[in-house]
Amino acid sequence: MENMEQIVDHLNNLNVSGQYAEVLNETQNYLATEKEEPVFWILQGNALYGLERLEEALSAFGEAIRLDPMNVEARSNYGSTLFALGRYVDALNACDAAILTDRDFAPAYLNAANCLMALGHDDHAVYALNHAFKLDPQNMELGLKTAEMLTEIGEYEMAKETFFAVAKLPDAPQDIQTRIFNFFQEARERNIDRKTIIEDANKWKRLFPTQEVLAHYKDLAR
């Protein structure tokens, strides 16, 4: 067989670009002779998921797990497919199994958070999100979602630090400083100690000494 790494990269790129039918055809060809290779089952599962053939995707990920029980990607994808099927409790159990397999695999925590939110446990979900962002600190969308949920449940300090972390990212949204200003405004409305807010706003001003932040800081300091 040709170089496995090149094959996997090629198929991953096809999945990312949405060429699911082509991935499905190619993985079927490889599996005709390489049925014991879990990576092809995972790639096939990803393609089937993209084609919204969820039951078949679940079966493919399940086969990858059978062949390699410690494969965290297979377990995490199995959980996300159960979630897409609306089987939230089963999905959460699968995500927990993925986390136990590899506690440093951020997607498993994100999948667990989605399950917890679907089950109405937002307070637990936000901590799973926060852990995922610590493992994947360059993920801007994940950081914003985490910061906003931390704000909603009243975790002021954690939300502040997460907003600051997002603002430092090279792909931070253009309105991130306005979001931080609104966060401080909401904190005042939630009766967070004014001295604490001003001290944190001073830190914000030092970290991001732009005209926009300076103007927002003056509004907060009034």
Protein backbone atom coordinates (compact mmCIF):
# COMPACT_ATOMS: atom_id res chain seq x y z
CA MET A 1 0.00 0.00 0.00
CA GLU A 2 1.17 3.56 -0.71
CA ASN A 3 2.20 5.81 2.16
CA MET A 4 -0.53 5.60 4.83
CA GLU A 5 0.04 9.14 6.10
CA GLN A 6 -0.43 10.57 2.62
CA ILE A 7 -3.63 8.56 2.12
CA VAL A 8 -5.10 9.72 5.42
CA ASP A 9 -4.17 13.36 4.76
CA HIS A 10 -5.75 13.14 1.31
CA LEU A 11 -8.99 11.66 2.65
CA ASN A 12 -9.12 14.13 5.54
CA ASN A 13 -8.75 17.02 3.10
CA LEU A 14 -11.59 15.64 1.00
CA ASN A 15 -13.81 15.42 4.10
CA VAL A 16 -12.93 18.98 5.12
CA SER A 17 -13.84 20.23 1.64
CA GLY A 18 -17.17 18.37 1.76
CA GLN A 19 -16.35 15.75 -0.86
CA TYR A 20 -18.00 13.04 1.19
CA ALA A 21 -19.11 10.77 -1.63
CA GLU A 22 -15.55 10.56 -2.93
CA VAL A 23 -14.25 9.72 0.55
CA LEU A 24 -16.89 7.05 0.90
CA ASN A 25 -15.89 5.45 -2.41
CA GLU A 26 -12.18 5.54 -1.62
CA THR A 27 -12.53 4.18 1.91
CA GLN A 28 -14.71 1.34 0.66
CA ASN A 29 -11.94 0.42 -1.76
CA TYR A 30 -9.29 0.47 0.97
CA LEU A 31 -11.50 -1.48 3.39
CA ALA A 32 -11.90 -4.23 0.82
CA THR A 33 -8.33 -5.24 1.68
CA GLU A 34 -7.68 -3.38 4.95
CA LYS A 35 -10.74 -4.22 7.09
CA GLU A 36 -8.69 -4.20 10.30
CA GLU A 37 -7.44 -0.63 9.85
CA PRO A 38 -9.51 1.63 12.19
CA VAL A 39 -8.50 4.89 10.51
CA PHE A 40 -10.42 3.95 7.36
CA TRP A 41 -13.53 3.23 9.43
CA ILE A 42 -13.18 6.64 11.08
CA LEU A 43 -12.75 8.39 7.75
CA GLN A 44 -15.72 6.50 6.35
CA GLY A 45 -17.76 7.43 9.42
CA ASN A 46 -16.88 11.10 8.94
CA ALA A 47 -18.01 10.95 5.32
CA LEU A 48 -21.25 9.19 6.22
CA TYR A 49 -21.87 11.79 8.95
CA GLY A 50 -21.37 14.54 6.36
CA LEU A 51 -23.89 12.80 4.11
CA GLU A 52 -26.32 12.67 7.08
CA ARG A 53 -26.32 8.87 7.01
CA LEU A 54 -26.04 8.86 10.76
CA GLU A 55 -26.89 5.26 11.59
CA GLU A 56 -24.27 4.06 9.10
CA ALA A 57 -21.76 6.55 10.52
CA LEU A 58 -22.44 5.23 14.01
CA SER A 59 -21.78 1.71 12.79
CA ALA A 60 -18.48 2.76 11.16
CA PHE A 61 -17.26 4.51 14.32
CA GLY A 62 -18.35 1.50 16.36
CA GLU A 63 -16.24 -0.77 14.16
CA ALA A 64 -13.23 1.52 14.65
CA ILE A 65 -13.73 1.30 18.43
CA ARG A 66 -13.97 -2.49 18.24
CA LEU A 67 -10.66 -2.62 16.39
CA ASP A 68 -8.97 -0.01 18.59
CA PRO A 69 -10.76 0.54 21.93
CA MET A 70 -8.28 3.28 22.92
CA ASN A 71 -8.91 5.38 19.82
CA VAL A 72 -10.23 8.63 21.29
CA GLU A 73 -11.20 10.12 17.93
CA ALA A 74 -13.44 7.14 17.18
CA ARG A 75 -15.04 7.33 20.63
CA SER A 76 -15.57 11.08 20.42
CA ASN A 77 -17.07 10.87 16.93
CA TYR A 78 -19.29 8.01 18.10
CA GLY A 79 -20.58 10.32 20.84
CA SER A 80 -21.19 13.24 18.48
CA THR A 81 -23.14 10.94 16.14
CA LEU A 82 -25.33 9.73 19.00
CA PHE A 83 -25.90 13.39 19.85
CA ALA A 84 -26.95 14.13 16.26
CA LEU A 85 -29.40 11.23 16.53
CA GLY A 86 -30.94 12.80 19.64
CA ARG A 87 -29.68 10.06 21.96
CA TYR A 88 -28.27 12.52 24.48
CA VAL A 89 -27.74 10.23 27.47
CA ASP A 90 -26.01 7.60 25.34
CA ALA A 91 -23.98 10.36 23.70
CA LEU A 92 -22.86 11.73 27.07
CA ASN A 93 -21.79 8.26 28.17
CA ALA A 94 -19.79 7.89 24.94
CA CYS A 95 -18.16 11.27 25.49
CA ASP A 96 -17.25 10.31 29.06
CA ALA A 97 -15.64 7.15 27.69
CA ALA A 98 -13.66 9.24 25.21
CA ILE A 99 -12.46 11.55 27.99
CA LEU A 100 -11.37 8.57 30.06
CA THR A 101 -9.45 7.32 27.02
CA ASP A 102 -7.59 10.63 26.61
CA ARG A 103 -8.12 13.49 29.07
CA ASP A 104 -6.32 15.91 26.74
CA PHE A 105 -8.64 15.51 23.74
CA ALA A 106 -10.55 18.80 23.52
CA PRO A 107 -13.34 17.66 21.10
CA ALA A 108 -14.53 15.08 23.65
CA TYR A 109 -15.14 17.82 26.22
CA LEU A 110 -16.90 19.97 23.64
CA ASN A 111 -19.15 17.05 22.68
CA ALA A 112 -19.86 16.40 26.37
CA ALA A 113 -20.79 20.06 26.83
CA ASN A 114 -23.27 19.88 23.94
CA CYS A 115 -24.86 16.79 25.51
CA LEU A 116 -25.09 18.44 28.92
CA MET A 117 -26.73 21.53 27.42
CA ALA A 118 -29.23 19.37 25.56
CA LEU A 119 -30.05 17.66 28.85
CA GLY A 120 -30.54 21.03 30.57
CA HIS A 121 -27.36 21.00 32.62
CA ASP A 122 -25.84 24.28 31.45
CA ASP A 123 -23.99 24.77 34.75
CA HIS A 124 -22.04 21.54 34.17
CA ALA A 125 -21.71 22.12 30.44
CA VAL A 126 -19.85 25.39 30.88
CA TYR A 127 -17.08 23.73 32.88
CA ALA A 128 -16.65 21.14 30.13
CA LEU A 129 -16.44 24.01 27.63
CA ASN A 130 -13.91 25.81 29.79
CA HIS A 131 -11.76 22.69 29.95
CA ALA A 132 -12.00 22.26 26.18
CA PHE A 133 -10.82 25.85 25.66
CA LYS A 134 -7.85 25.32 27.98
CA LEU A 135 -6.87 22.35 25.82
CA ASP A 136 -7.53 24.23 22.56
CA PRO A 137 -6.73 27.88 23.45
CA GLN A 138 -6.52 29.01 19.81
CA ASN A 139 -10.18 28.14 19.15
CA MET A 140 -11.81 31.55 19.03
CA GLU A 141 -15.41 30.37 18.67
CA LEU A 142 -15.02 27.96 21.57
CA GLY A 143 -13.49 30.72 23.71
CA LEU A 144 -16.34 33.12 23.02
CA LYS A 145 -18.98 30.51 23.73
CA THR A 146 -17.23 29.64 26.98
CA ALA A 147 -16.90 33.27 28.08
CA GLU A 148 -20.55 34.01 27.35
CA MET A 149 -21.78 30.94 29.23
CA LEU A 150 -19.51 31.68 32.20
CA THR A 151 -21.03 35.16 32.27
CA GLU A 152 -24.55 33.74 32.24
CA ILE A 153 -23.93 31.49 35.25
CA GLY A 154 -22.21 34.25 37.22
CA GLU A 155 -18.59 33.05 37.04
CA TYR A 156 -17.22 36.58 36.78
CA GLU A 157 -13.49 35.90 37.24
CA MET A 158 -13.36 32.92 34.86
CA ALA A 159 -15.44 34.78 32.26
CA LYS A 160 -13.16 37.84 32.43
CA GLU A 161 -9.99 35.80 31.92
CA THR A 162 -11.59 33.91 29.04
CA PHE A 163 -12.65 37.13 27.31
CA PHE A 164 -9.10 38.46 27.68
CA ALA A 165 -7.68 35.21 26.26
CA VAL A 166 -9.96 35.47 23.22
CA ALA A 167 -9.01 39.13 22.71
CA LYS A 168 -5.34 38.09 22.43
CA LEU A 169 -6.01 35.66 19.60
CA PRO A 170 -4.93 36.74 16.10
CA ASP A 171 -8.41 35.93 14.74
CA ALA A 172 -10.33 37.64 17.57
CA PRO A 173 -13.59 39.18 16.33
CA GLN A 174 -13.49 42.90 15.54
CA ASP A 175 -16.06 43.65 18.23
CA ILE A 176 -14.24 41.77 21.01
CA GLN A 177 -13.37 44.93 22.97
CA THR A 178 -17.00 46.05 22.84
CA ARG A 179 -18.01 42.62 24.11
CA ILE A 180 -15.59 42.98 27.00
CA PHE A 181 -16.97 46.46 27.77
CA ASN A 182 -20.51 45.04 27.77
CA PHE A 183 -19.29 42.25 30.06
CA PHE A 184 -18.06 44.83 32.59
CA GLN A 185 -21.30 46.78 32.25
CA GLU A 186 -23.32 43.64 32.95
CA ALA A 187 -21.07 42.89 35.92
CA ARG A 188 -22.03 46.26 37.42
CA GLU A 189 -25.69 45.39 36.93
CA ARG A 190 -25.07 42.06 38.65
CA ASN A 191 -23.69 43.98 41.64
CA ILE A 192 -20.09 42.86 41.25
CA ASP A 193 -17.96 45.05 43.53
CA ARG A 194 -17.17 48.32 41.73
CA LYS A 195 -13.57 48.33 42.96
CA THR A 196 -13.06 44.86 41.47
CA ILE A 197 -14.48 45.96 38.11
CA ILE A 198 -12.27 49.08 37.97
CA GLU A 199 -9.16 47.07 38.89
CA ASP A 200 -9.97 44.53 36.17
CA ALA A 201 -10.75 47.30 33.69
CA ASN A 202 -7.34 48.78 34.45
CA LYS A 203 -5.77 45.42 33.62
CA TRP A 204 -7.81 45.39 30.41
CA LYS A 205 -6.52 48.86 29.52
CA ARG A 206 -2.92 47.76 30.11
CA LEU A 207 -3.34 44.63 28.00
CA PHE A 208 -5.08 46.40 25.11
CA PRO A 209 -4.07 50.09 25.12
CA THR A 210 -6.13 51.13 22.10
CA GLN A 211 -8.24 54.25 21.69
CA GLU A 212 -11.37 52.11 21.71
CA VAL A 213 -10.49 50.47 25.04
CA LEU A 214 -9.45 53.82 26.58
CA ALA A 215 -12.82 55.31 25.61
CA HIS A 216 -14.68 52.34 27.08
CA TYR A 217 -12.57 52.55 30.23
CA LYS A 218 -13.57 56.19 30.77
CA ASP A 219 -17.23 55.16 30.57
CA LEU A 220 -16.66 52.45 33.18
CA ALA A 221 -14.72 54.72 35.52
CA ARG A 222 -17.50 57.33 35.72
